[in-house]
Structures are given as structure tokens and as C-alpha cells.
Protein backbone atom coordinates (compact mmCIF):
# COMPACT_ATOMS: atom_id res chain seq x y z
CA UNK A 1 -197.97 -171.39 27.00
CA UNK A 2 -195.28 -174.01 26.48
CA UNK A 3 -193.23 -174.74 29.21
CA UNK A 4 -189.49 -174.63 29.05
CA UNK A 5 -187.00 -177.95 29.76
CA UNK A 6 -184.17 -177.43 31.72
CA UNK A 7 -181.73 -180.60 31.57
CA UNK A 8 -179.67 -180.23 34.80
CA UNK A 9 -176.22 -181.94 34.76
CA UNK A 10 -175.19 -184.13 31.01
CA UNK A 11 -177.34 -185.97 28.69
CA UNK A 12 -176.56 -189.87 29.41
CA UNK A 13 -177.09 -191.04 26.26
CA UNK A 14 -175.07 -188.15 24.78
CA UNK A 15 -171.99 -189.91 26.58
CA UNK A 16 -172.96 -193.21 25.31
CA UNK A 17 -172.99 -191.34 21.72
CA UNK A 18 -169.48 -190.26 22.68
CA UNK A 19 -168.03 -193.47 24.11
CA UNK A 20 -169.61 -195.59 21.39
CA UNK A 21 -167.57 -193.33 18.86
CA UNK A 22 -164.07 -193.63 21.57
CA UNK A 23 -164.62 -197.62 20.36
CA UNK A 24 -164.80 -196.84 16.86
CA UNK A 25 -161.13 -196.01 16.82
CA UNK A 26 -160.11 -197.71 19.17
CA UNK A 27 -161.35 -201.13 16.93
CA UNK A 28 -159.76 -199.05 14.19
CA UNK A 29 -156.62 -198.92 15.60
CA UNK A 30 -156.18 -202.51 17.07
CA UNK A 31 -157.48 -204.15 13.62
CA UNK A 32 -154.52 -201.72 11.42
CA UNK A 33 -152.04 -202.57 13.66
CA UNK A 34 -153.12 -206.34 13.20
CA UNK A 35 -153.76 -206.67 9.52
CA UNK A 36 -150.67 -208.06 8.49
CA UNK A 37 -151.22 -210.93 10.96
CA UNK A 38 -155.06 -211.80 10.17
CA UNK A 39 -155.62 -214.72 8.06
CA UNK A 40 -157.99 -213.68 4.65
CA UNK A 41 -161.40 -214.93 6.81
CA UNK A 42 -160.97 -213.12 9.38
CA UNK A 43 -160.43 -210.26 7.39
CA UNK A 44 -163.43 -210.74 6.07
CA UNK A 45 -165.26 -210.90 8.96
CA UNK A 46 -163.53 -208.32 10.70
CA UNK A 47 -164.31 -205.62 7.35
CA UNK A 48 -167.88 -207.51 7.63
CA UNK A 49 -168.43 -206.19 11.25
CA UNK A 50 -166.77 -202.88 10.74
CA UNK A 51 -168.58 -201.73 8.35
CA UNK A 52 -171.80 -202.54 10.07
CA UNK A 53 -170.30 -200.64 12.91
CA UNK A 54 -169.22 -197.68 11.28
CA UNK A 55 -173.08 -197.79 9.58
CA UNK A 56 -174.82 -198.20 12.95
CA UNK A 57 -172.47 -195.31 14.35
CA UNK A 58 -173.68 -192.95 11.68
CA UNK A 59 -177.09 -193.58 11.70
CA UNK A 60 -176.72 -193.08 15.79
CA UNK A 61 -175.19 -189.52 14.63
CA UNK A 62 -177.53 -188.22 12.11
CA UNK A 63 -180.44 -188.80 15.16
CA UNK A 64 -177.96 -187.34 17.75
CA UNK A 65 -176.53 -184.78 15.64
CA UNK A 66 -179.75 -182.85 14.57
CA UNK A 67 -178.97 -180.12 16.34
CA UNK A 68 -176.82 -177.48 15.12
CA UNK A 69 -174.37 -177.38 18.18
CA UNK A 70 -174.40 -180.59 18.20
CA UNK A 71 -172.23 -180.74 15.02
CA UNK A 72 -168.72 -181.82 16.54
CA UNK A 73 -169.98 -184.92 16.26
CA UNK A 74 -170.34 -185.87 12.84
CA UNK A 75 -166.20 -184.99 12.20
CA UNK A 76 -164.64 -187.91 13.95
CA UNK A 77 -168.31 -190.89 13.26
CA UNK A 78 -166.89 -189.27 8.96
CA UNK A 79 -163.10 -189.67 9.34
CA UNK A 80 -163.45 -193.16 11.46
CA UNK A 81 -166.23 -194.34 8.51
CA UNK A 82 -163.06 -192.91 6.19
CA UNK A 83 -160.17 -194.20 7.61
CA UNK A 84 -161.92 -198.21 7.90
CA UNK A 85 -162.64 -197.28 4.22
CA UNK A 86 -159.35 -197.72 4.01
CA UNK A 87 -158.20 -199.90 6.45
CA UNK A 88 -160.65 -202.32 4.04
CA UNK A 89 -159.26 -201.39 0.81
CA UNK A 90 -155.56 -201.97 2.03
CA UNK A 91 -156.56 -205.18 3.75
CA UNK A 92 -158.34 -206.83 0.05
CA UNK A 93 -156.50 -204.84 -2.99
CA UNK A 94 -153.18 -203.44 -1.11
CA UNK A 95 -152.13 -206.48 1.31
């Protein structure tokens, strides 16, 4: 018979992942507030870094949200990725 695994407490990796999601939102807010004062070269570097961070976060999200009860992790990551896309489009085409 296979022994079942009972977790005693919260998953530390899950907490780190949730803090990474919060950090993503904090970075997006900071970039959105300071977008008008950025030079073009800094805006390009920030856009590339935000893209890499969101790609990394989305990849971790699909790894961590493999179970049905972890589907709540997908929504803030997808909304953050979409908002970062809109910020980049705004910076390059409308500013």
C-alpha cells in the first residue's frame, strides 16, 4: 500500500511564489507611475526585464498550478502579464 503524505503547515515554495506575484504587481505599479519620466533606452531595458520576469512567472505558474485547487494562481499572473503588455505598448507606441 502506498503511504499518503500529510503536510503539516504551509508549503514554503508556495509562499515564495505568492511573494513573486506580489513583487510583479509592485514592479508594474512602479513602472506605470514613472513611465513618463523614463528615457527610451531605460524604457527598453525595463520592458525586456519585465517580459523576462513575466515569462519566468508564467512558467512557474504552470508548473505550480498543476492541481485543480491551485488554479487561483493563474489569474493574477495572467492579469499581470496582460497589464505589462499594455504598459509596454503604451510606452512604445503612445508615449
